[in-house]
PDB file of all heavy atoms in Angstrom:
ATOM      1  N   ALA A   1      81.780 -85.442 -24.227  1.00  0.00           N
ATOM      2  CA  ALA A   1      81.758 -85.867 -22.824  1.00  0.00           C
ATOM      3  C   ALA A   1      80.342 -86.100 -22.302  1.00  0.00           C
ATOM      4  O   ALA A   1      80.140 -86.904 -21.382  1.00  0.00           O
ATOM      5  CB  ALA A   1      82.452 -84.808 -21.964  1.00  0.00           C
ATOM      6  N   LYS A   2      79.351 -85.423 -22.898  1.00  0.00           N
ATOM      7  CA  LYS A   2      77.972 -85.531 -22.420  1.00  0.00           C
ATOM      8  C   LYS A   2      77.401 -86.932 -22.591  1.00  0.00           C
ATOM      9  O   LYS A   2      76.460 -87.310 -21.885  1.00  0.00           O
ATOM     10  CB  LYS A   2      77.077 -84.526 -23.159  1.00  0.00           C
ATOM     11  CG  LYS A   2      77.360 -83.079 -22.822  1.00  0.00           C
ATOM     12  CD  LYS A   2      76.435 -82.153 -23.594  1.00  0.00           C
ATOM     13  CE  LYS A   2      76.731 -80.692 -23.279  1.00  0.00           C
ATOM     14  NZ  LYS A   2      75.859 -79.781 -24.061  1.00  0.00           N
ATOM     15  N   ILE A   3      77.910 -87.708 -23.523  1.00  0.00           N
ATOM     16  CA  ILE A   3      77.332 -89.033 -23.778  1.00  0.00           C
ATOM     17  C   ILE A   3      78.235 -90.170 -23.286  1.00  0.00           C
ATOM     18  O   ILE A   3      77.970 -91.335 -23.562  1.00  0.00           O
ATOM     19  CB  ILE A   3      76.968 -89.220 -25.267  1.00  0.00           C
ATOM     20  CG1 ILE A   3      78.210 -89.173 -26.170  1.00  0.00           C
ATOM     21  CG2 ILE A   3      75.949 -88.186 -25.711  1.00  0.00           C
ATOM     22  CD1 ILE A   3      77.918 -89.536 -27.632  1.00  0.00           C
ATOM     23  N   ILE A   4      79.292 -89.825 -22.563  1.00  0.00           N
ATOM     24  CA  ILE A   4      80.199 -90.844 -22.027  1.00  0.00           C
ATOM     25  C   ILE A   4      79.891 -91.051 -20.553  1.00  0.00           C
ATOM     26  O   ILE A   4      80.132 -90.169 -19.718  1.00  0.00           O
ATOM     27  CB  ILE A   4      81.673 -90.428 -22.227  1.00  0.00           C
ATOM     28  CG1 ILE A   4      81.983 -90.250 -23.721  1.00  0.00           C
ATOM     29  CG2 ILE A   4      82.603 -91.476 -21.621  1.00  0.00           C
ATOM     30  CD1 ILE A   4      83.370 -89.696 -24.003  1.00  0.00           C
ATOM     31  N   ALA A   5      79.324 -92.197 -20.225  1.00  0.00           N
ATOM     32  CA  ALA A   5      79.001 -92.529 -18.833  1.00  0.00           C
ATOM     33  C   ALA A   5      80.276 -92.948 -18.095  1.00  0.00           C
ATOM     34  O   ALA A   5      81.267 -93.339 -18.728  1.00  0.00           O
ATOM     35  CB  ALA A   5      77.979 -93.660 -18.795  1.00  0.00           C
ATOM     36  N   PRO A   6      80.256 -92.900 -16.766  1.00  0.00           N
ATOM     37  CA  PRO A   6      81.448 -93.322 -16.010  1.00  0.00           C
ATOM     38  C   PRO A   6      81.946 -94.715 -16.378  1.00  0.00           C
ATOM     39  O   PRO A   6      83.153 -94.956 -16.426  1.00  0.00           O
ATOM     40  CB  PRO A   6      80.960 -93.257 -14.555  1.00  0.00           C
ATOM     41  CG  PRO A   6      79.928 -92.172 -14.562  1.00  0.00           C
ATOM     42  CD  PRO A   6      79.221 -92.316 -15.888  1.00  0.00           C
ATOM     43  N   ILE A   7      81.026 -95.629 -16.673  1.00  0.00           N
ATOM     44  CA  ILE A   7      81.451 -96.991 -17.028  1.00  0.00           C
ATOM     45  C   ILE A   7      82.199 -97.026 -18.351  1.00  0.00           C
ATOM     46  O   ILE A   7      83.068 -97.870 -18.572  1.00  0.00           O
ATOM     47  CB  ILE A   7      80.239 -97.952 -17.053  1.00  0.00           C
ATOM     48  CG1 ILE A   7      80.719 -99.411 -17.055  1.00  0.00           C
ATOM     49  CG2 ILE A   7      79.325 -97.666 -18.241  1.00  0.00           C
ATOM     50  CD1 ILE A   7      79.598-100.416 -16.855  1.00  0.00           C
ATOM     51  N   ASN A   8      81.870 -96.069 -19.268  1.00  0.00           N
ATOM     52  CA  ASN A   8      82.569 -96.004 -20.559  1.00  0.00           C
ATOM     53  C   ASN A   8      83.962 -95.405 -20.401  1.00  0.00           C
ATOM     54  O   ASN A   8      84.866 -95.724 -21.170  1.00  0.00           O
ATOM     55  CB  ASN A   8      81.794 -95.152 -21.561  1.00  0.00           C
ATOM     56  CG  ASN A   8      80.343 -95.555 -21.717  1.00  0.00           C
ATOM     57  OD1 ASN A   8      79.461 -94.700 -21.662  1.00  0.00           O
ATOM     58  ND2 ASN A   8      80.082 -96.834 -21.897  1.00  0.00           N
ATOM     59  N   ALA A   9      84.117 -94.536 -19.427  1.00  0.00           N
ATOM     60  CA  ALA A   9      85.364 -93.778 -19.266  1.00  0.00           C
ATOM     61  C   ALA A   9      86.545 -94.645 -18.849  1.00  0.00           C
ATOM     62  O   ALA A   9      87.688 -94.179 -18.856  1.00  0.00           O
ATOM     63  CB  ALA A   9      85.146 -92.652 -18.261  1.00  0.00           C
ATOM     64  N   GLN A  10      86.284 -95.907 -18.486  1.00  0.00           N
ATOM     65  CA  GLN A  10      87.388 -96.792 -18.130  1.00  0.00           C
ATOM     66  C   GLN A  10      88.211 -97.197 -19.357  1.00  0.00           C
ATOM     67  O   GLN A  10      89.337 -97.690 -19.210  1.00  0.00           O
ATOM     68  CB  GLN A  10      86.848 -98.044 -17.443  1.00  0.00           C
ATOM     69  CG  GLN A  10      85.998 -98.935 -18.329  1.00  0.00           C
ATOM     70  CD  GLN A  10      85.390-100.094 -17.564  1.00  0.00           C
ATOM     71  OE1 GLN A  10      86.099-100.796 -16.877  1.00  0.00           O
ATOM     72  NE2 GLN A  10      84.085-100.271 -17.673  1.00  0.00           N
ATOM     73  N   GLN A  11      87.661 -97.001 -20.552  1.00  0.00           N
ATOM     74  CA  GLN A  11      88.412 -97.300 -21.769  1.00  0.00           C
ATOM     75  C   GLN A  11      89.610 -96.353 -21.880  1.00  0.00           C
ATOM     76  O   GLN A  11      89.504 -95.172 -21.553  1.00  0.00           O
ATOM     77  CB  GLN A  11      87.511 -97.114 -23.001  1.00  0.00           C
ATOM     78  CG  GLN A  11      86.233 -97.915 -22.988  1.00  0.00           C
ATOM     79  CD  GLN A  11      86.442 -99.372 -23.344  1.00  0.00           C
ATOM     80  OE1 GLN A  11      87.489 -99.751 -23.869  1.00  0.00           O
ATOM     81  NE2 GLN A  11      85.455-100.193 -23.066  1.00  0.00           N
ATOM     82  N   GLU A  12      90.714 -96.863 -22.377  1.00  0.00           N
ATOM     83  CA  GLU A  12      91.901 -96.025 -22.550  1.00  0.00           C
ATOM     84  C   GLU A  12      91.875 -95.406 -23.941  1.00  0.00           C
ATOM     85  O   GLU A  12      92.095 -96.092 -24.947  1.00  0.00           O
ATOM     86  CB  GLU A  12      93.175 -96.851 -22.352  1.00  0.00           C
ATOM     87  CG  GLU A  12      93.372 -97.321 -20.919  1.00  0.00           C
ATOM     88  CD  GLU A  12      94.708 -98.014 -20.719  1.00  0.00           C
ATOM     89  OE1 GLU A  12      95.692 -97.643 -21.398  1.00  0.00           O
ATOM     90  OE2 GLU A  12      94.766 -98.946 -19.902  1.00  0.00           O
ATOM     91  N   VAL A  13      91.559 -94.123 -23.988  1.00  0.00           N
ATOM     92  CA  VAL A  13      91.423 -93.406 -25.260  1.00  0.00           C
ATOM     93  C   VAL A  13      92.162 -92.082 -25.178  1.00  0.00           C
ATOM     94  O   VAL A  13      92.055 -91.360 -24.185  1.00  0.00           O
ATOM     95  CB  VAL A  13      89.939 -93.142 -25.596  1.00  0.00           C
ATOM     96  CG1 VAL A  13      89.828 -92.349 -26.908  1.00  0.00           C
ATOM     97  CG2 VAL A  13      89.162 -94.450 -25.704  1.00  0.00           C
ATOM     98  N   GLU A  14      92.906 -91.766 -26.229  1.00  0.00           N
ATOM     99  CA  GLU A  14      93.540 -90.457 -26.342  1.00  0.00           C
ATOM    100  C   GLU A  14      92.954 -89.770 -27.568  1.00  0.00           C
ATOM    101  O   GLU A  14      92.955 -90.344 -28.662  1.00  0.00           O
ATOM    102  CB  GLU A  14      95.062 -90.591 -26.484  1.00  0.00           C
ATOM    103  CG  GLU A  14      95.780 -89.250 -26.491  1.00  0.00           C
ATOM    104  CD  GLU A  14      97.299 -89.399 -26.428  1.00  0.00           C
ATOM    105  OE1 GLU A  14      97.797 -90.537 -26.314  1.00  0.00           O
ATOM    106  OE2 GLU A  14      97.992 -88.365 -26.492  1.00  0.00           O
ATOM    107  N   ILE A  15      92.429 -88.573 -27.379  1.00  0.00           N
ATOM    108  CA  ILE A  15      91.797 -87.838 -28.481  1.00  0.00           C
ATOM    109  C   ILE A  15      92.717 -86.705 -28.903  1.00  0.00           C
ATOM    110  O   ILE A  15      93.066 -85.826 -28.102  1.00  0.00           O
ATOM    111  CB  ILE A  15      90.404 -87.327 -28.076  1.00  0.00           C
ATOM    112  CG1 ILE A  15      89.485 -88.531 -27.846  1.00  0.00           C
ATOM    113  CG2 ILE A  15      89.836 -86.409 -29.158  1.00  0.00           C
ATOM    114  CD1 ILE A  15      88.068 -88.209 -27.462  1.00  0.00           C
ATOM    115  N   LEU A  16      93.112 -86.728 -30.166  1.00  0.00           N
ATOM    116  CA  LEU A  16      94.075 -85.768 -30.710  1.00  0.00           C
ATOM    117  C   LEU A  16      93.404 -84.799 -31.670  1.00  0.00           C
ATOM    118  O   LEU A  16      92.295 -85.050 -32.159  1.00  0.00           O
ATOM    119  CB  LEU A  16      95.183 -86.521 -31.465  1.00  0.00           C
ATOM    120  CG  LEU A  16      95.926 -87.615 -30.706  1.00  0.00           C
ATOM    121  CD1 LEU A  16      96.933 -88.296 -31.624  1.00  0.00           C
ATOM    122  CD2 LEU A  16      96.621 -87.042 -29.470  1.00  0.00           C
ATOM    123  N   ALA A  17      94.091 -83.722 -31.964  1.00  0.00           N
ATOM    124  CA  ALA A  17      93.597 -82.768 -32.962  1.00  0.00           C
ATOM    125  C   ALA A  17      93.686 -83.397 -34.343  1.00  0.00           C
ATOM    126  O   ALA A  17      94.686 -84.030 -34.693  1.00  0.00           O
ATOM    127  CB  ALA A  17      94.418 -81.488 -32.910  1.00  0.00           C
ATOM    128  N   LEU A  18      92.632 -83.220 -35.128  1.00  0.00           N
ATOM    129  CA  LEU A  18      92.641 -83.721 -36.498  1.00  0.00           C
ATOM    130  C   LEU A  18      93.746 -83.027 -37.280  1.00  0.00           C
ATOM    131  O   LEU A  18      93.850 -81.797 -37.282  1.00  0.00           O
ATOM    132  CB  LEU A  18      91.283 -83.448 -37.152  1.00  0.00           C
ATOM    133  CG  LEU A  18      91.042 -84.086 -38.516  1.00  0.00           C
ATOM    134  CD1 LEU A  18      90.947 -85.599 -38.389  1.00  0.00           C
ATOM    135  CD2 LEU A  18      89.758 -83.532 -39.131  1.00  0.00           C
ATOM    136  N   GLY A  19      94.610 -83.819 -37.906  1.00  0.00           N
ATOM    137  CA  GLY A  19      95.688 -83.245 -38.696  1.00  0.00           C
ATOM    138  C   GLY A  19      97.051 -83.229 -38.023  1.00  0.00           C
ATOM    139  O   GLY A  19      98.047 -82.889 -38.654  1.00  0.00           O
ATOM    140  N   ASP A  20      97.108 -83.622 -36.767  1.00  0.00           N
ATOM    141  CA  ASP A  20      98.358 -83.538 -36.000  1.00  0.00           C
ATOM    142  C   ASP A  20      99.114 -84.866 -36.043  1.00  0.00           C
ATOM    143  O   ASP A  20      98.977 -85.715 -35.162  1.00  0.00           O
ATOM    144  CB  ASP A  20      98.051 -83.136 -34.565  1.00  0.00           C
ATOM    145  CG  ASP A  20      99.308 -82.727 -33.791  1.00  0.00           C
ATOM    146  OD1 ASP A  20     100.418 -83.065 -34.236  1.00  0.00           O
ATOM    147  OD2 ASP A  20      99.159 -82.072 -32.744  1.00  0.00           O
ATOM    148  N   LEU A  21      99.953 -85.032 -37.048  1.00  0.00           N
ATOM    149  CA  LEU A  21     100.725 -86.270 -37.200  1.00  0.00           C
ATOM    150  C   LEU A  21     101.821 -86.395 -36.140  1.00  0.00           C
ATOM    151  O   LEU A  21     102.150 -87.499 -35.711  1.00  0.00           O
ATOM    152  CB  LEU A  21     101.356 -86.331 -38.590  1.00  0.00           C
ATOM    153  CG  LEU A  21     100.441 -86.725 -39.753  1.00  0.00           C
ATOM    154  CD1 LEU A  21     101.200 -86.649 -41.065  1.00  0.00           C
ATOM    155  CD2 LEU A  21      99.876 -88.130 -39.548  1.00  0.00           C
ATOM    156  N   GLU A  22     102.357 -85.267 -35.720  1.00  0.00           N
ATOM    157  CA  GLU A  22     103.424 -85.298 -34.705  1.00  0.00           C
ATOM    158  C   GLU A  22     102.879 -85.867 -33.390  1.00  0.00           C
ATOM    159  O   GLU A  22     103.510 -86.732 -32.769  1.00  0.00           O
ATOM    160  CB  GLU A  22     103.969 -83.892 -34.489  1.00  0.00           C
ATOM    161  CG  GLU A  22     105.154 -83.834 -33.539  1.00  0.00           C
ATOM    162  CD  GLU A  22     105.717 -82.433 -33.383  1.00  0.00           C
ATOM    163  OE1 GLU A  22     105.491 -81.592 -34.287  1.00  0.00           O
ATOM    164  OE2 GLU A  22     106.388 -82.175 -32.356  1.00  0.00           O
ATOM    165  N   ALA A  23     101.702 -85.419 -32.998  1.00  0.00           N
ATOM    166  CA  ALA A  23     101.085 -85.933 -31.771  1.00  0.00           C
ATOM    167  C   ALA A  23     100.718 -87.402 -31.919  1.00  0.00           C
ATOM    168  O   ALA A  23     100.828 -88.181 -30.966  1.00  0.00           O
ATOM    169  CB  ALA A  23      99.845 -85.114 -31.430  1.00  0.00           C
ATOM    170  N   LEU A  24     100.288 -87.773 -33.120  1.00  0.00           N
ATOM    171  CA  LEU A  24      99.927 -89.169 -33.359  1.00  0.00           C
ATOM    172  C   LEU A  24     101.145 -90.075 -33.221  1.00  0.00           C
ATOM    173  O   LEU A  24     101.068 -91.124 -32.564  1.00  0.00           O
ATOM    174  CB  LEU A  24      99.303 -89.330 -34.752  1.00  0.00           C
ATOM    175  CG  LEU A  24      98.916 -90.762 -35.124  1.00  0.00           C
ATOM    176  CD1 LEU A  24      97.875 -91.330 -34.165  1.00  0.00           C
ATOM    177  CD2 LEU A  24      98.411 -90.838 -36.565  1.00  0.00           C
ATOM    178  N   GLU A  25     102.263 -89.692 -33.803  1.00  0.00           N
ATOM    179  CA  GLU A  25     103.450 -90.547 -33.689  1.00  0.00           C
ATOM    180  C   GLU A  25     103.919 -90.645 -32.240  1.00  0.00           C
ATOM    181  O   GLU A  25     104.337 -91.709 -31.784  1.00  0.00           O
ATOM    182  CB  GLU A  25     104.583 -90.049 -34.583  1.00  0.00           C
ATOM    183  CG  GLU A  25     105.819 -90.926 -34.463  1.00  0.00           C
ATOM    184  CD  GLU A  25     106.697 -90.961 -35.693  1.00  0.00           C
ATOM    185  OE1 GLU A  25     106.679 -89.972 -36.453  1.00  0.00           O
ATOM    186  OE2 GLU A  25     107.395 -91.983 -35.897  1.00  0.00           O
ATOM    187  N   LYS A  26     103.813 -89.550 -31.533  1.00  0.00           N
ATOM    188  CA  LYS A  26     104.188 -89.563 -30.114  1.00  0.00           C
ATOM    189  C   LYS A  26     103.334 -90.558 -29.333  1.00  0.00           C
ATOM    190  O   LYS A  26     103.841 -91.305 -28.485  1.00  0.00           O
ATOM    191  CB  LYS A  26     104.029 -88.156 -29.530  1.00  0.00           C
ATOM    192  CG  LYS A  26     104.507 -88.019 -28.102  1.00  0.00           C
ATOM    193  CD  LYS A  26     104.381 -86.573 -27.620  1.00  0.00           C
ATOM    194  CE  LYS A  26     104.836 -86.442 -26.170  1.00  0.00           C
ATOM    195  NZ  LYS A  26     104.690 -85.037 -25.686  1.00  0.00           N
ATOM    196  N   ALA A  27     102.030 -90.612 -29.660  1.00  0.00           N
ATOM    197  CA  ALA A  27     101.124 -91.547 -28.989  1.00  0.00           C
ATOM    198  C   ALA A  27     101.431 -92.987 -29.376  1.00  0.00           C
ATOM    199  O   ALA A  27     101.472 -93.881 -28.517  1.00  0.00           O
ATOM    200  CB  ALA A  27      99.682 -91.201 -29.320  1.00  0.00           C
ATOM    201  N   LEU A  28     101.673 -93.223 -30.664  1.00  0.00           N
ATOM    202  CA  LEU A  28     101.891 -94.594 -31.141  1.00  0.00           C
ATOM    203  C   LEU A  28     103.241 -95.148 -30.707  1.00  0.00           C
ATOM    204  O   LEU A  28     103.392 -96.365 -30.542  1.00  0.00           O
ATOM    205  CB  LEU A  28     101.770 -94.646 -32.666  1.00  0.00           C
ATOM    206  CG  LEU A  28     100.414 -94.302 -33.283  1.00  0.00           C
ATOM    207  CD1 LEU A  28     100.414 -94.590 -34.776  1.00  0.00           C
ATOM    208  CD2 LEU A  28      99.277 -95.044 -32.602  1.00  0.00           C
ATOM    209  N   ALA A  29     104.206 -94.278 -30.517  1.00  0.00           N
ATOM    210  CA  ALA A  29     105.555 -94.721 -30.156  1.00  0.00           C
ATOM    211  C   ALA A  29     105.595 -95.416 -28.790  1.00  0.00           C
ATOM    212  O   ALA A  29     106.543 -96.149 -28.491  1.00  0.00           O
ATOM    213  CB  ALA A  29     106.510 -93.541 -30.180  1.00  0.00           C
ATOM    214  N   LYS A  30     104.570 -95.212 -27.975  1.00  0.00           N
ATOM    215  CA  LYS A  30     104.510 -95.878 -26.669  1.00  0.00           C
ATOM    216  C   LYS A  30     104.167 -97.362 -26.810  1.00  0.00           C
ATOM    217  O   LYS A  30     104.233 -98.118 -25.842  1.00  0.00           O
ATOM    218  CB  LYS A  30     103.469 -95.181 -25.785  1.00  0.00           C
ATOM    219  CG  LYS A  30     103.823 -93.734 -25.485  1.00  0.00           C
ATOM    220  CD  LYS A  30     102.684 -93.031 -24.760  1.00  0.00           C
ATOM    221  CE  LYS A  30     102.975 -91.544 -24.585  1.00  0.00           C
ATOM    222  NZ  LYS A  30     101.808 -90.820 -23.986  1.00  0.00           N
ATOM    223  N   ASN A  31     103.744 -97.742 -28.022  1.00  0.00           N
ATOM    224  CA  ASN A  31     103.484 -99.145 -28.367  1.00  0.00           C
ATOM    225  C   ASN A  31     102.365 -99.791 -27.545  1.00  0.00           C
ATOM    226  O   ASN A  31     102.381-101.001 -27.270  1.00  0.00           O
ATOM    227  CB  ASN A  31     104.758 -99.986 -28.239  1.00  0.00           C
ATOM    228  CG  ASN A  31     104.682-101.253 -29.078  1.00  0.00           C
ATOM    229  OD1 ASN A  31     104.082-101.257 -30.156  1.00  0.00           O
ATOM    230  ND2 ASN A  31     105.257-102.341 -28.589  1.00  0.00           N
ATOM    231  N   ASP A  32     101.359 -98.988 -27.146  1.00  0.00           N
ATOM    232  CA  ASP A  32     100.231 -99.554 -26.407  1.00  0.00           C
ATOM    233  C   ASP A  32      98.888 -99.278 -27.100  1.00  0.00           C
ATOM    234  O   ASP A  32      97.826 -99.539 -26.545  1.00  0.00           O
ATOM    235  CB  ASP A  32     100.192 -99.006 -24.981  1.00  0.00           C
ATOM    236  CG  ASP A  32     100.063 -97.487 -24.911  1.00  0.00           C
ATOM    237  OD1 ASP A  32     100.151 -96.828 -25.973  1.00  0.00           O
ATOM    238  OD2 ASP A  32      99.878 -96.955 -23.796  1.00  0.00           O
ATOM    239  N   VAL A  33      98.941 -98.753 -28.333  1.00  0.00           N
ATOM    240  CA  VAL A  33      97.716 -98.378 -29.052  1.00  0.00           C
ATOM    241  C   VAL A  33      97.298 -99.502 -29.996  1.00  0.00           C
ATOM    242  O   VAL A  33      98.051 -99.878 -30.900  1.00  0.00           O
ATOM    243  CB  VAL A  33      97.915 -97.064 -29.849  1.00  0.00           C
ATOM    244  CG1 VAL A  33      96.662 -96.731 -30.667  1.00  0.00           C
ATOM    245  CG2 VAL A  33      98.244 -95.914 -28.899  1.00  0.00           C
ATOM    246  N   CYS A  34      96.112-100.041 -29.770  1.00  0.00           N
ATOM    247  CA  CYS A  34      95.628-101.114 -30.647  1.00  0.00           C
ATOM    248  C   CYS A  34      95.064-100.567 -31.945  1.00  0.00           C
ATOM    249  O   CYS A  34      95.154-101.214 -32.991  1.00  0.00           O
ATOM    250  CB  CYS A  34      94.576-101.973 -29.936  1.00  0.00           C
ATOM    251  SG  CYS A  34      92.980-101.180 -29.642  1.00  0.00           S
TER     252      CYS A  34
END
């Protein structure tokens, strides 16, 4: 967070725990992840 300026924060990003496939599928199932 220390290197993310307010202008960068407008990007739509979800940060997940490394190794969590269940959370990843839940995120991808929304069909908005490029």
